[in-house]
Amino acid sequence: MIVKWEKGGEKMVPRPANQQALDTVLAAASTEVQTRFAEMIGLTTRAAHAQDPGVTSL
């Protein structure tokens, strides 16, 4: 499944059941893991600020 998602790139959209499972796992993850995930996808405060100066936090 992951290989398929990687091949699809940014246009890949998980099915609702899969997205719900991913959201549940991320919500249950530690703050450290959530922060690392945010950094990996470019949602850190620093990255968000560079994209939109109006954004100040996650």
C-alpha atoms as a PDB file:
ATOM      1  CA  MET A   1       0.000   0.000   0.000  1.00  0.00           C
ATOM      2  CA  ILE A   2       2.789   2.452   0.892  1.00  0.00           C
ATOM      3  CA  VAL A   3       4.544   1.828  -2.426  1.00  0.00           C
ATOM      4  CA  LYS A   4       1.315   2.695  -4.243  1.00  0.00           C
ATOM      5  CA  TRP A   5       0.993   5.922  -2.236  1.00  0.00           C
ATOM      6  CA  GLU A   6       4.606   6.875  -2.938  1.00  0.00           C
ATOM      7  CA  LYS A   7       4.156   6.276  -6.668  1.00  0.00           C
ATOM      8  CA  GLY A   8       1.007   8.418  -6.665  1.00  0.00           C
ATOM      9  CA  GLY A   9       2.872  11.368  -5.213  1.00  0.00           C
ATOM     10  CA  GLU A  10       0.954  14.401  -4.000  1.00  0.00           C
ATOM     11  CA  LYS A  11      -2.090  13.550  -6.106  1.00  0.00           C
ATOM     12  CA  MET A  12      -2.659  10.330  -4.138  1.00  0.00           C
ATOM     13  CA  VAL A  13      -5.624  10.522  -1.764  1.00  0.00           C
ATOM     14  CA  PRO A  14      -6.162   7.714   0.763  1.00  0.00           C
ATOM     15  CA  ARG A  15      -9.598   6.127   1.032  1.00  0.00           C
ATOM     16  CA  PRO A  16     -11.635   7.559   3.919  1.00  0.00           C
ATOM     17  CA  ALA A  17     -11.161   4.421   6.070  1.00  0.00           C
ATOM     18  CA  ASN A  18      -7.390   4.504   5.504  1.00  0.00           C
ATOM     19  CA  GLN A  19      -7.207   8.239   6.227  1.00  0.00           C
ATOM     20  CA  GLN A  20      -9.156   7.737   9.450  1.00  0.00           C
ATOM     21  CA  ALA A  21      -6.743   4.995  10.526  1.00  0.00           C
ATOM     22  CA  LEU A  22      -3.742   7.217   9.747  1.00  0.00           C
ATOM     23  CA  ASP A  23      -5.287  10.124  11.658  1.00  0.00           C
ATOM     24  CA  THR A  24      -5.991   7.873  14.653  1.00  0.00           C
ATOM     25  CA  VAL A  25      -2.428   6.558  14.750  1.00  0.00           C
ATOM     26  CA  LEU A  26      -0.961  10.061  14.452  1.00  0.00           C
ATOM     27  CA  ALA A  27      -3.237  11.393  17.196  1.00  0.00           C
ATOM     28  CA  ALA A  28      -2.125   8.571  19.504  1.00  0.00           C
ATOM     29  CA  ALA A  29       1.568   9.178  18.750  1.00  0.00           C
ATOM     30  CA  SER A  30       3.852  11.018  21.131  1.00  0.00           C
ATOM     31  CA  THR A  31       4.448  14.737  20.738  1.00  0.00           C
ATOM     32  CA  GLU A  32       7.957  13.921  19.505  1.00  0.00           C
ATOM     33  CA  VAL A  33       6.598  11.679  16.741  1.00  0.00           C
ATOM     34  CA  GLN A  34       3.940  14.232  15.771  1.00  0.00           C
ATOM     35  CA  THR A  35       6.592  16.957  15.578  1.00  0.00           C
ATOM     36  CA  ARG A  36       8.856  14.755  13.464  1.00  0.00           C
ATOM     37  CA  PHE A  37       5.929  14.007  11.129  1.00  0.00           C
ATOM     38  CA  ALA A  38       5.113  17.711  10.823  1.00  0.00           C
ATOM     39  CA  GLU A  39       8.745  18.446   9.947  1.00  0.00           C
ATOM     40  CA  MET A  40       8.782  15.678   7.335  1.00  0.00           C
ATOM     41  CA  ILE A  41       5.780  17.115   5.514  1.00  0.00           C
ATOM     42  CA  GLY A  42       6.811  20.740   5.919  1.00  0.00           C
ATOM     43  CA  LEU A  43       4.337  21.830   8.594  1.00  0.00           C
ATOM     44  CA  THR A  44       6.798  23.081  11.170  1.00  0.00           C
ATOM     45  CA  THR A  45       6.319  26.602  12.441  1.00  0.00           C
ATOM     46  CA  ARG A  46       9.382  27.705  10.502  1.00  0.00           C
ATOM     47  CA  ALA A  47       8.257  26.047   7.240  1.00  0.00           C
ATOM     48  CA  ALA A  48       4.651  27.204   7.649  1.00  0.00           C
ATOM     49  CA  HIS A  49       5.808  30.769   8.341  1.00  0.00           C
ATOM     50  CA  ALA A  50       7.898  30.749   5.167  1.00  0.00           C
ATOM     51  CA  GLN A  51       4.836  29.641   3.167  1.00  0.00           C
ATOM     52  CA  ASP A  52       2.332  31.914   4.914  1.00  0.00           C
ATOM     53  CA  PRO A  53       3.576  34.672   7.218  1.00  0.00           C
ATOM     54  CA  GLY A  54       0.158  34.655   8.932  1.00  0.00           C
ATOM     55  CA  VAL A  55       0.787  31.140  10.295  1.00  0.00           C
ATOM     56  CA  THR A  56       2.497  31.162  13.679  1.00  0.00           C
ATOM     57  CA  SER A  57       2.081  27.589  14.968  1.00  0.00           C
ATOM     58  CA  LEU A  58       1.054  24.055  14.079  1.00  0.00           C
END
